[in-house]
C-alpha atoms as a PDB file:
ATOM      1  CA  MET A   1     -27.221   1.734  33.592  1.00  0.00           C
ATOM      2  CA  SER A   2     -28.852  -0.961  36.078  1.00  0.00           C
ATOM      3  CA  VAL A   3     -27.289  -0.843  39.554  1.00  0.00           C
ATOM      4  CA  HIS A   4     -26.377  -4.641  38.886  1.00  0.00           C
ATOM      5  CA  PHE A   5     -24.115  -3.749  35.692  1.00  0.00           C
ATOM      6  CA  GLY A   6     -22.282  -1.053  37.931  1.00  0.00           C
ATOM      7  CA  GLU A   7     -21.689  -3.376  40.593  1.00  0.00           C
ATOM      8  CA  LEU A   8     -20.657  -6.482  38.399  1.00  0.00           C
ATOM      9  CA  ALA A   9     -18.175  -4.444  36.802  1.00  0.00           C
ATOM     10  CA  LYS A  10     -16.492  -3.282  39.624  1.00  0.00           C
ATOM     11  CA  LYS A  11     -16.599  -6.676  41.157  1.00  0.00           C
ATOM     12  CA  VAL A  12     -15.036  -8.515  37.800  1.00  0.00           C
ATOM     13  CA  GLY A  13     -12.194  -5.942  37.718  1.00  0.00           C
ATOM     14  CA  ALA A  14     -11.051  -5.918  41.466  1.00  0.00           C
ATOM     15  CA  ASP A  15      -8.245  -8.292  40.792  1.00  0.00           C
ATOM     16  CA  GLY A  16      -7.127  -6.820  37.592  1.00  0.00           C
ATOM     17  CA  ALA A  17      -8.179  -9.487  35.562  1.00  0.00           C
ATOM     18  CA  ILE A  18     -11.373 -10.714  33.809  1.00  0.00           C
ATOM     19  CA  SER A  19     -12.317 -14.382  32.811  1.00  0.00           C
ATOM     20  CA  GLY A  20     -14.485 -15.694  29.898  1.00  0.00           C
ATOM     21  CA  GLU A  21     -17.249 -16.322  31.919  1.00  0.00           C
ATOM     22  CA  GLU A  22     -17.164 -12.515  33.528  1.00  0.00           C
ATOM     23  CA  VAL A  23     -17.071 -11.043  30.178  1.00  0.00           C
ATOM     24  CA  LEU A  24     -20.260 -13.218  29.208  1.00  0.00           C
ATOM     25  CA  ALA A  25     -21.688 -12.095  32.430  1.00  0.00           C
ATOM     26  CA  LEU A  26     -21.168  -8.159  31.524  1.00  0.00           C
ATOM     27  CA  ARG A  27     -22.355  -8.909  27.959  1.00  0.00           C
ATOM     28  CA  ARG A  28     -25.723 -10.490  28.857  1.00  0.00           C
ATOM     29  CA  GLU A  29     -26.175  -7.816  31.688  1.00  0.00           C
ATOM     30  CA  ALA A  30     -25.231  -4.614  29.360  1.00  0.00           C
ATOM     31  CA  TRP A  31     -26.639  -5.644  26.075  1.00  0.00           C
ATOM     32  CA  PRO A  32     -29.819  -7.163  26.696  1.00  0.00           C
ATOM     33  CA  ASP A  33     -32.070  -4.847  24.211  1.00  0.00           C
ATOM     34  CA  GLY A  34     -28.879  -4.533  21.827  1.00  0.00           C
ATOM     35  CA  ARG A  35     -28.176  -0.879  23.416  1.00  0.00           C
ATOM     36  CA  ILE A  36     -25.227   0.368  25.442  1.00  0.00           C
ATOM     37  CA  SER A  37     -26.174   3.588  27.457  1.00  0.00           C
ATOM     38  CA  GLN A  38     -23.519   6.138  28.378  1.00  0.00           C
ATOM     39  CA  SER A  39     -23.199   5.342  31.704  1.00  0.00           C
ATOM     40  CA  GLU A  40     -22.710   1.725  30.806  1.00  0.00           C
ATOM     41  CA  ALA A  41     -20.210   2.640  28.347  1.00  0.00           C
ATOM     42  CA  GLU A  42     -18.225   4.619  30.828  1.00  0.00           C
ATOM     43  CA  ALA A  43     -17.935   1.789  33.149  1.00  0.00           C
ATOM     44  CA  ILE A  44     -16.603  -0.552  30.530  1.00  0.00           C
ATOM     45  CA  PHE A  45     -13.931   2.234  29.689  1.00  0.00           C
ATOM     46  CA  ALA A  46     -13.274   2.358  33.729  1.00  0.00           C
ATOM     47  CA  LEU A  47     -12.978  -1.472  33.775  1.00  0.00           C
ATOM     48  CA  ASN A  48     -10.550  -1.601  30.920  1.00  0.00           C
ATOM     49  CA  HIS A  49      -8.278   1.036  32.660  1.00  0.00           C
ATOM     50  CA  GLN A  50      -8.359  -0.995  35.887  1.00  0.00           C
ATOM     51  CA  LEU A  51      -7.430  -4.168  34.184  1.00  0.00           C
ATOM     52  CA  GLN A  52      -3.798  -5.338  34.425  1.00  0.00           C
ATOM     53  CA  SER A  53      -4.513  -8.101  31.754  1.00  0.00           C
ATOM     54  CA  ARG A  54      -6.891  -8.169  29.009  1.00  0.00           C
ATOM     55  CA  SER A  55      -8.133 -11.371  27.240  1.00  0.00           C
ATOM     56  CA  ALA A  56      -9.160 -11.929  23.839  1.00  0.00           C
ATOM     57  CA  GLU A  57     -12.964 -12.315  24.972  1.00  0.00           C
ATOM     58  CA  TRP A  58     -12.411  -8.993  26.847  1.00  0.00           C
ATOM     59  CA  VAL A  59     -11.353  -6.808  23.935  1.00  0.00           C
ATOM     60  CA  ASP A  60     -13.886  -8.438  21.511  1.00  0.00           C
ATOM     61  CA  PHE A  61     -16.508  -7.148  24.159  1.00  0.00           C
ATOM     62  CA  PHE A  62     -14.915  -3.877  24.568  1.00  0.00           C
ATOM     63  CA  VAL A  63     -14.649  -3.279  20.960  1.00  0.00           C
ATOM     64  CA  GLU A  64     -18.071  -4.428  19.916  1.00  0.00           C
ATOM     65  CA  ALA A  65     -20.120  -2.607  22.883  1.00  0.00           C
ATOM     66  CA  LEU A  66     -18.150   0.783  22.377  1.00  0.00           C
ATOM     67  CA  GLY A  67     -18.077   0.704  18.984  1.00  0.00           C
ATOM     68  CA  GLU A  68     -21.843   0.242  18.760  1.00  0.00           C
ATOM     69  CA  TYR A  69     -22.187   2.970  21.377  1.00  0.00           C
ATOM     70  CA  VAL A  70     -20.236   5.541  19.456  1.00  0.00           C
ATOM     71  CA  ILE A  71     -21.340   4.578  15.985  1.00  0.00           C
ATOM     72  CA  ASN A  72     -24.969   3.622  16.268  1.00  0.00           C
ATOM     73  CA  GLN A  73     -26.372   4.925  19.454  1.00  0.00           C
ATOM     74  CA  ARG A  74     -27.610   8.134  17.644  1.00  0.00           C
ATOM     75  CA  ALA A  75     -29.577   8.687  14.557  1.00  0.00           C
ATOM     76  CA  PRO A  76     -28.337   8.483  11.871  1.00  0.00           C
ATOM     77  CA  LYS A  77     -26.654   5.192  12.508  1.00  0.00           C
ATOM     78  CA  GLY A  78     -23.159   5.029  10.979  1.00  0.00           C
ATOM     79  CA  TYR A  79     -22.195   8.761  11.573  1.00  0.00           C
ATOM     80  CA  VAL A  80     -20.362   9.562  14.815  1.00  0.00           C
ATOM     81  CA  ASP A  81     -21.537  13.332  15.884  1.00  0.00           C
ATOM     82  CA  SER A  82     -19.156  15.790  17.602  1.00  0.00           C
ATOM     83  CA  GLU A  83     -20.368  15.056  21.080  1.00  0.00           C
ATOM     84  CA  ASN A  84     -19.792  11.230  20.669  1.00  0.00           C
ATOM     85  CA  GLY A  85     -16.108  11.815  19.005  1.00  0.00           C
ATOM     86  CA  HIS A  86     -15.043  13.958  21.990  1.00  0.00           C
ATOM     87  CA  TRP A  87     -16.427  11.572  24.339  1.00  0.00           C
ATOM     88  CA  LEU A  88     -14.369   8.948  22.757  1.00  0.00           C
ATOM     89  CA  MET A  89     -11.470  11.075  22.580  1.00  0.00           C
ATOM     90  CA  SER A  90     -11.767  11.936  26.482  1.00  0.00           C
ATOM     91  CA  GLN A  91     -12.107   8.469  27.409  1.00  0.00           C
ATOM     92  CA  ILE A  92      -8.990   7.171  25.619  1.00  0.00           C
ATOM     93  CA  ASP A  93      -6.954   9.968  27.369  1.00  0.00           C
ATOM     94  CA  ALA A  94      -8.285   9.422  30.662  1.00  0.00           C
ATOM     95  CA  ASP A  95      -5.521   7.387  31.806  1.00  0.00           C
ATOM     96  CA  GLY A  96      -2.817   9.235  29.561  1.00  0.00           C
ATOM     97  CA  GLU A  97      -1.999   6.528  27.282  1.00  0.00           C
ATOM     98  CA  LEU A  98      -3.565   4.630  24.411  1.00  0.00           C
ATOM     99  CA  GLY A  99      -3.782   0.903  25.208  1.00  0.00           C
ATOM    100  CA  SER A 100      -2.680  -1.008  22.043  1.00  0.00           C
ATOM    101  CA  MET A 101      -4.887  -4.129  22.932  1.00  0.00           C
ATOM    102  CA  ALA A 102      -8.462  -2.695  23.495  1.00  0.00           C
ATOM    103  CA  GLU A 103      -8.276   1.139  23.006  1.00  0.00           C
ATOM    104  CA  LEU A 104      -6.371   1.312  19.899  1.00  0.00           C
ATOM    105  CA  GLU A 105      -8.130  -1.502  18.501  1.00  0.00           C
ATOM    106  CA  LEU A 106     -11.439   0.511  19.368  1.00  0.00           C
ATOM    107  CA  LEU A 107     -10.205   3.657  17.422  1.00  0.00           C
ATOM    108  CA  VAL A 108      -9.593   1.933  14.055  1.00  0.00           C
ATOM    109  CA  ARG A 109     -12.478  -0.417  14.214  1.00  0.00           C
ATOM    110  CA  VAL A 110     -14.614   3.049  14.703  1.00  0.00           C
ATOM    111  CA  PHE A 111     -13.146   4.444  11.410  1.00  0.00           C
ATOM    112  CA  GLU A 112     -13.458   0.809   9.439  1.00  0.00           C
ATOM    113  CA  ARG A 113     -17.147   0.596  10.565  1.00  0.00           C
ATOM    114  CA  ALA A 114     -18.437   4.258  10.731  1.00  0.00           C
ATOM    115  CA  GLN A 115     -19.434   6.000   7.072  1.00  0.00           C
ATOM    116  CA  ASN A 116     -17.955   9.098   8.658  1.00  0.00           C
ATOM    117  CA  VAL A 117     -16.749  10.870  11.691  1.00  0.00           C
ATOM    118  CA  PRO A 118     -15.952  14.723  12.588  1.00  0.00           C
ATOM    119  CA  VAL A 119     -12.520  16.036  11.496  1.00  0.00           C
ATOM    120  CA  ALA A 120     -11.531  16.543  15.189  1.00  0.00           C
ATOM    121  CA  LEU A 121     -11.577  12.650  15.701  1.00  0.00           C
ATOM    122  CA  LYS A 122      -9.712  12.109  12.449  1.00  0.00           C
ATOM    123  CA  ASP A 123      -6.914  14.272  13.367  1.00  0.00           C
ATOM    124  CA  TYR A 124      -6.961  12.643  16.640  1.00  0.00           C
ATOM    125  CA  ALA A 125      -6.858   9.233  15.629  1.00  0.00           C
ATOM    126  CA  LEU A 126      -4.134  10.007  12.871  1.00  0.00           C
ATOM    127  CA  ARG A 127      -1.768  11.507  15.728  1.00  0.00           C
ATOM    128  CA  GLN A 128      -2.581   8.370  17.818  1.00  0.00           C
ATOM    129  CA  VAL A 129      -1.874   5.865  15.672  1.00  0.00           C
ATOM    130  CA  GLU A 130       1.300   7.531  14.632  1.00  0.00           C
ATOM    131  CA  LYS A 131       2.316   7.537  18.291  1.00  0.00           C
ATOM    132  CA  ALA A 132       1.530   4.143  18.892  1.00  0.00           C
ATOM    133  CA  VAL A 133       3.601   3.097  15.869  1.00  0.00           C
ATOM    134  CA  LEU A 134       6.661   5.131  16.999  1.00  0.00           C
ATOM    135  CA  GLU A 135       6.530   4.577  20.644  1.00  0.00           C
ATOM    136  CA  GLY A 136       3.938   2.067  21.519  1.00  0.00           C
ATOM    137  CA  THR A 137       5.022  -1.247  23.101  1.00  0.00           C
ATOM    138  CA  GLY A 138       2.714  -4.240  24.038  1.00  0.00           C
ATOM    139  CA  PRO A 139       0.241  -6.869  22.447  1.00  0.00           C
ATOM    140  CA  THR A 140      -2.223  -5.808  19.739  1.00  0.00           C
ATOM    141  CA  ARG A 141      -5.637  -7.630  19.346  1.00  0.00           C
ATOM    142  CA  ASP A 142      -4.473  -9.945  16.140  1.00  0.00           C
ATOM    143  CA  GLY A 143      -1.646 -11.505  18.160  1.00  0.00           C
ATOM    144  CA  GLY A 144       1.568  -9.245  17.192  1.00  0.00           C
ATOM    145  CA  ARG A 145       3.180  -6.451  19.305  1.00  0.00           C
ATOM    146  CA  LEU A 146       3.944  -2.878  18.880  1.00  0.00           C
ATOM    147  CA  GLU A 147       7.487  -1.937  19.099  1.00  0.00           C
ATOM    148  CA  ALA A 148       8.904   1.404  19.719  1.00  0.00           C
ATOM    149  CA  GLY A 149      11.606   2.981  17.390  1.00  0.00           C
ATOM    150  CA  ASN A 150      10.794   0.948  14.214  1.00  0.00           C
ATOM    151  CA  VAL A 151       7.544  -0.131  12.039  1.00  0.00           C
ATOM    152  CA  ASN A 152       7.354  -4.079  12.108  1.00  0.00           C
ATOM    153  CA  ALA A 153       4.964  -6.009  10.123  1.00  0.00           C
ATOM    154  CA  THR A 154       1.848  -5.668  12.695  1.00  0.00           C
ATOM    155  CA  GLU A 155       2.337  -1.676  12.817  1.00  0.00           C
ATOM    156  CA  ALA A 156       2.435  -1.706   9.070  1.00  0.00           C
ATOM    157  CA  LYS A 157      -0.903  -3.857   8.977  1.00  0.00           C
ATOM    158  CA  LEU A 158      -2.394  -1.404  11.461  1.00  0.00           C
ATOM    159  CA  LEU A 159      -1.447   1.640   9.488  1.00  0.00           C
ATOM    160  CA  ARG A 160      -2.850   0.257   6.534  1.00  0.00           C
ATOM    161  CA  ARG A 161      -6.034  -0.285   8.088  1.00  0.00           C
ATOM    162  CA  ALA A 162      -6.301   3.060   9.409  1.00  0.00           C
ATOM    163  CA  ILE A 163      -5.401   5.041   6.567  1.00  0.00           C
ATOM    164  CA  PHE A 164      -7.716   3.262   4.037  1.00  0.00           C
ATOM    165  CA  ALA A 165     -10.796   2.848   6.571  1.00  0.00           C
ATOM    166  CA  PRO A 166     -14.019   4.216   5.110  1.00  0.00           C
ATOM    167  CA  ALA A 167     -14.041   6.990   7.680  1.00  0.00           C
ATOM    168  CA  SER A 168     -10.447   7.950   7.087  1.00  0.00           C
ATOM    169  CA  GLU A 169      -9.378  11.170   5.694  1.00  0.00           C
ATOM    170  CA  ARG A 170     -10.100  10.087   2.238  1.00  0.00           C
ATOM    171  CA  PRO A 171     -12.014   7.194   2.044  1.00  0.00           C
ATOM    172  CA  ALA A 172     -10.204   4.110  -0.209  1.00  0.00           C
ATOM    173  CA  ALA A 173      -7.316   6.436  -0.812  1.00  0.00           C
ATOM    174  CA  VAL A 174      -4.719   8.497   1.324  1.00  0.00           C
ATOM    175  CA  GLY A 175      -5.315  12.060   2.036  1.00  0.00           C
ATOM    176  CA  PRO A 176      -2.637  14.926   2.481  1.00  0.00           C
ATOM    177  CA  ASN A 177      -2.337  14.396   6.240  1.00  0.00           C
ATOM    178  CA  GLU A 178      -1.831  10.915   6.269  1.00  0.00           C
ATOM    179  CA  ALA A 179       0.960  11.113   3.429  1.00  0.00           C
ATOM    180  CA  GLU A 180       2.835  13.602   5.561  1.00  0.00           C
ATOM    181  CA  MET A 181       2.564  11.193   8.509  1.00  0.00           C
ATOM    182  CA  LEU A 182       3.904   8.588   6.373  1.00  0.00           C
ATOM    183  CA  PHE A 183       6.687  10.554   5.442  1.00  0.00           C
ATOM    184  CA  ARG A 184       7.449  11.590   9.091  1.00  0.00           C
ATOM    185  CA  LEU A 185       7.355   7.787   9.990  1.00  0.00           C
ATOM    186  CA  LYS A 186       9.645   6.962   7.289  1.00  0.00           C
ATOM    187  CA  ASP A 187      12.306   9.793   8.507  1.00  0.00           C
ATOM    188  CA  ALA A 188      11.864   8.763  11.982  1.00  0.00           C
ATOM    189  CA  THR A 189      12.570   5.033  11.529  1.00  0.00           C
ATOM    190  CA  LEU A 190      14.954   5.256   8.545  1.00  0.00           C
ATOM    191  CA  ASP A 191      17.867   3.142  10.083  1.00  0.00           C
ATOM    192  CA  ALA A 192      15.539   0.956  12.376  1.00  0.00           C
ATOM    193  CA  ASP A 193      14.817  -2.581  11.494  1.00  0.00           C
ATOM    194  CA  ASN A 194      11.601  -2.162   9.755  1.00  0.00           C
ATOM    195  CA  ALA A 195       9.608  -4.998   8.316  1.00  0.00           C
ATOM    196  CA  PRO A 196       9.349  -5.248   4.488  1.00  0.00           C
ATOM    197  CA  GLU A 197       5.766  -4.538   4.650  1.00  0.00           C
ATOM    198  CA  TRP A 198       6.466  -0.949   5.877  1.00  0.00           C
ATOM    199  CA  LYS A 199       8.574  -0.272   2.454  1.00  0.00           C
ATOM    200  CA  THR A 200       5.337  -1.687   0.418  1.00  0.00           C
ATOM    201  CA  LEU A 201       3.120   0.431   2.597  1.00  0.00           C
ATOM    202  CA  PHE A 202       5.166   3.725   2.273  1.00  0.00           C
ATOM    203  CA  VAL A 203       5.462   3.384  -1.509  1.00  0.00           C
ATOM    204  CA  GLN A 204       1.677   2.273  -2.183  1.00  0.00           C
ATOM    205  CA  GLY A 205       0.533   5.078   0.265  1.00  0.00           C
ATOM    206  CA  ILE A 206       2.448   7.802  -1.008  1.00  0.00           C
ATOM    207  CA  ALA A 207       1.689   6.759  -5.015  1.00  0.00           C
ATOM    208  CA  ASN A 208      -1.844   6.664  -3.780  1.00  0.00           C
ATOM    209  CA  TYR A 209      -1.750   9.940  -2.647  1.00  0.00           C
ATOM    210  CA  LEU A 210      -0.231  11.118  -5.941  1.00  0.00           C
ATOM    211  CA  GLN A 211      -2.241   9.115  -8.494  1.00  0.00           C
ATOM    212  CA  GLY A 212      -4.999   7.412  -6.423  1.00  0.00           C
ATOM    213  CA  TYR A 213      -8.853   8.093  -7.357  1.00  0.00           C
ATOM    214  CA  SER A 214     -11.154   9.014  -4.417  1.00  0.00           C
ATOM    215  CA  ASN A 215     -14.996   9.418  -4.853  1.00  0.00           C
ATOM    216  CA  ALA A 216     -15.630  12.994  -3.431  1.00  0.00           C
ATOM    217  CA  ASN A 217     -19.097  11.815  -2.750  1.00  0.00           C
ATOM    218  CA  ALA A 218     -18.070   8.811  -0.762  1.00  0.00           C
ATOM    219  CA  GLN A 219     -18.617  10.693   2.620  1.00  0.00           C
ATOM    220  CA  ILE A 220     -21.602  12.838   2.966  1.00  0.00           C
ATOM    221  CA  SER A 221     -21.519  14.787   6.670  1.00  0.00           C
ATOM    222  CA  ARG A 222     -23.730  13.655   9.526  1.00  0.00           C
ATOM    223  CA  GLU A 223     -25.809  16.490   9.276  1.00  0.00           C
ATOM    224  CA  ARG A 224     -26.604  15.862   5.535  1.00  0.00           C
ATOM    225  CA  ALA A 225     -27.321  11.992   6.346  1.00  0.00           C
ATOM    226  CA  ALA A 226     -29.592  13.166   9.140  1.00  0.00           C
ATOM    227  CA  GLU A 227     -31.679  15.537   6.792  1.00  0.00           C
ATOM    228  CA  LEU A 228     -31.763  12.554   4.208  1.00  0.00           C
ATOM    229  CA  GLN A 229     -32.863   9.972   6.823  1.00  0.00           C
ATOM    230  CA  ALA A 230     -35.406  12.473   8.285  1.00  0.00           C
ATOM    231  CA  PHE A 231     -37.118  13.029   4.694  1.00  0.00           C
ATOM    232  CA  MET A 232     -37.186   9.121   4.204  1.00  0.00           C
ATOM    233  CA  ASN A 233     -38.893   8.825   7.440  1.00  0.00           C
ATOM    234  CA  ASP A 234     -41.434  11.620   6.927  1.00  0.00           C
ATOM    235  CA  THR A 235     -44.584  10.386   5.143  1.00  0.00           C
ATOM    236  CA  HIS A 236     -46.026  13.923   4.778  1.00  0.00           C
ATOM    237  CA  SER A 237     -43.091  15.193   2.869  1.00  0.00           C
ATOM    238  CA  SER A 238     -43.633  16.612  -0.440  1.00  0.00           C
ATOM    239  CA  VAL A 239     -41.328  14.829  -3.227  1.00  0.00           C
ATOM    240  CA  GLY A 240     -41.452  17.649  -5.505  1.00  0.00           C
ATOM    241  CA  GLY A 241     -40.540  19.977  -2.569  1.00  0.00           C
ATOM    242  CA  PHE A 242     -37.452  17.812  -1.720  1.00  0.00           C
ATOM    243  CA  LEU A 243     -36.453  17.721  -5.546  1.00  0.00           C
ATOM    244  CA  GLY A 244     -36.748  21.433  -5.554  1.00  0.00           C
ATOM    245  CA  ARG A 245     -34.375  21.844  -2.764  1.00  0.00           C
ATOM    246  CA  MET A 246     -32.307  19.353  -4.189  1.00  0.00           C
ATOM    247  CA  MET A 247     -32.022  21.311  -7.674  1.00  0.00           C
ATOM    248  CA  ASP A 248     -31.488  24.475  -5.753  1.00  0.00           C
ATOM    249  CA  ALA A 249     -28.355  22.920  -3.901  1.00  0.00           C
ATOM    250  CA  ALA A 250     -26.980  21.089  -6.897  1.00  0.00           C
ATOM    251  CA  PRO A 251     -28.336  22.700 -10.279  1.00  0.00           C
ATOM    252  CA  ASN A 252     -26.843  19.590 -12.334  1.00  0.00           C
ATOM    253  CA  ALA A 253     -27.920  16.750 -10.076  1.00  0.00           C
ATOM    254  CA  PHE A 254     -31.039  15.836 -12.177  1.00  0.00           C
ATOM    255  CA  GLY A 255     -29.692  17.270 -15.464  1.00  0.00           C
ATOM    256  CA  VAL A 256     -30.114  13.835 -17.325  1.00  0.00           C
ATOM    257  CA  VAL A 257     -33.345  13.243 -15.945  1.00  0.00           C
ATOM    258  CA  PHE A 258     -34.888  16.325 -17.247  1.00  0.00           C
ATOM    259  CA  GLY A 259     -33.281  15.993 -20.754  1.00  0.00           C
ATOM    260  CA  ARG A 260     -30.243  18.792 -20.045  1.00  0.00           C
ATOM    261  CA  LYS A 261     -26.926  17.771 -21.104  1.00  0.00           C
ATOM    262  CA  VAL A 262     -24.519  17.643 -18.073  1.00  0.00           C
ATOM    263  CA  GLU A 263     -20.777  18.239 -18.820  1.00  0.00           C
ATOM    264  CA  ALA A 264     -19.371  15.693 -16.369  1.00  0.00           C
ATOM    265  CA  LEU A 265     -16.318  13.425 -16.462  1.00  0.00           C
ATOM    266  CA  SER A 266     -17.351   9.584 -16.442  1.00  0.00           C
ATOM    267  CA  ARG A 267     -15.843   7.613 -13.718  1.00  0.00           C
ATOM    268  CA  ASP A 268     -13.068   6.186 -16.065  1.00  0.00           C
ATOM    269  CA  GLU A 269     -12.124   9.782 -16.978  1.00  0.00           C
ATOM    270  CA  GLN A 270     -11.987  11.100 -13.386  1.00  0.00           C
ATOM    271  CA  VAL A 271      -9.949   7.895 -12.615  1.00  0.00           C
ATOM    272  CA  ALA A 272      -7.317   8.770 -15.266  1.00  0.00           C
ATOM    273  CA  GLU A 273      -7.653  12.410 -14.412  1.00  0.00           C
ATOM    274  CA  ALA A 274      -6.568  11.499 -10.748  1.00  0.00           C
ATOM    275  CA  HIS A 275      -3.984   9.369 -12.175  1.00  0.00           C
ATOM    276  CA  GLU A 276      -1.840  12.232 -13.304  1.00  0.00           C
ATOM    277  CA  VAL A 277       0.586  13.698 -10.905  1.00  0.00           C
ATOM    278  CA  THR A 278      -0.165  17.543 -10.948  1.00  0.00           C
ATOM    279  CA  SER A 279       2.663  20.143 -10.601  1.00  0.00           C
ATOM    280  CA  ASP A 280       1.498  20.907  -7.055  1.00  0.00           C
ATOM    281  CA  GLU A 281       1.923  17.365  -6.124  1.00  0.00           C
ATOM    282  CA  ARG A 282       5.221  16.833  -7.917  1.00  0.00           C
ATOM    283  CA  GLU A 283       6.556  19.984  -5.827  1.00  0.00           C
ATOM    284  CA  TRP A 284       5.348  18.460  -2.713  1.00  0.00           C
ATOM    285  CA  VAL A 285       6.857  15.003  -3.335  1.00  0.00           C
ATOM    286  CA  ALA A 286      10.148  16.786  -4.535  1.00  0.00           C
ATOM    287  CA  ALA A 287      10.169  18.937  -1.469  1.00  0.00           C
ATOM    288  CA  LYS A 288       9.983  15.945   0.621  1.00  0.00           C
ATOM    289  CA  ILE A 289      12.860  14.045  -1.074  1.00  0.00           C
ATOM    290  CA  GLU A 290      15.148  17.021  -1.044  1.00  0.00           C
ATOM    291  CA  ALA A 291      14.616  18.045   2.436  1.00  0.00           C
ATOM    292  CA  ASP A 292      17.741  16.235   3.786  1.00  0.00           C
ATOM    293  CA  GLY A 293      19.815  16.507   0.537  1.00  0.00           C
ATOM    294  CA  LYS A 294      19.674  12.807  -0.307  1.00  0.00           C
ATOM    295  CA  VAL A 295      17.481   9.911  -1.579  1.00  0.00           C
ATOM    296  CA  ASP A 296      17.006   7.356   0.785  1.00  0.00           C
ATOM    297  CA  ALA A 297      16.300   3.729  -0.080  1.00  0.00           C
ATOM    298  CA  TYR A 298      12.447   4.129   0.589  1.00  0.00           C
ATOM    299  CA  GLU A 299      12.433   7.448  -1.773  1.00  0.00           C
ATOM    300  CA  GLN A 300      14.289   5.535  -4.211  1.00  0.00           C
ATOM    301  CA  ALA A 301      11.757   2.569  -4.345  1.00  0.00           C
ATOM    302  CA  LEU A 302       8.930   5.410  -4.435  1.00  0.00           C
ATOM    303  CA  LEU A 303      10.675   7.141  -7.569  1.00  0.00           C
ATOM    304  CA  ASP A 304      11.028   3.742  -9.096  1.00  0.00           C
ATOM    305  CA  PHE A 305       7.541   2.975  -8.735  1.00  0.00           C
ATOM    306  CA  LEU A 306       6.221   6.071 -10.183  1.00  0.00           C
ATOM    307  CA  ALA A 307       8.655   5.923 -13.085  1.00  0.00           C
ATOM    308  CA  GLU A 308       7.418   2.231 -13.905  1.00  0.00           C
ATOM    309  CA  ASP A 309       3.725   3.007 -13.732  1.00  0.00           C
END
């Protein structure tokens, strides 16, 4: 971090507010080469904690700069490593709260832009989003507001973004931890003044968990991505050796190429198979519905949807 950037960050936040011109100055100082250093990233977080009001220009800069640092500053790009994941969690936790305007938006955007993130960050993000929806108050980046004790349209939109993000628990589909969260939120806000969008999301989310198809290969680990990138960048690597290692790791991977018959389901068959609710899934949803001895309006809507489908 340049001395000038550190001094500038302290100066612009001294009065607890930041103007569009000051944001532009920070952007020019921190981003001349398209990279954000750790010291600059930490200075940006510190400034955000210092601000009493946050403009749209500031939030845009905060999310873009820190998202770039967390996701793309280390190879392979697009994969958040464990160190950066823990760094992000510690920075958000530094002041003891998750700011709805900037930090919450950053957390969700990381999951929308990254190819994959560590499990610890997935679990952390799910807890933070659930807490924000239940207890959070204040403006959000899209012009809405968080309200405590209910699920409004803005919060339903936030939940939808989080659980269907590419780097979420189950990309393009709802995972088991996310389904559990949806039921907890439903139970906690059952008698609250909720938006219609929340019931729609609850029904669609749980139905997706029970019947949705998710490509198991949609997410690969950062370590595997690094291995593949290293191979692609190594002009001295033996293609034959690489294919041999792939065959050892996945004997059926090249069956078609080498003339062997591979007994594998087509994508349409996999989708159809995933659509069938298994006995374990039926037991899970039945236990959730029977937990309080009654079927509420949200659960009835879910049962009606499954029956019609």
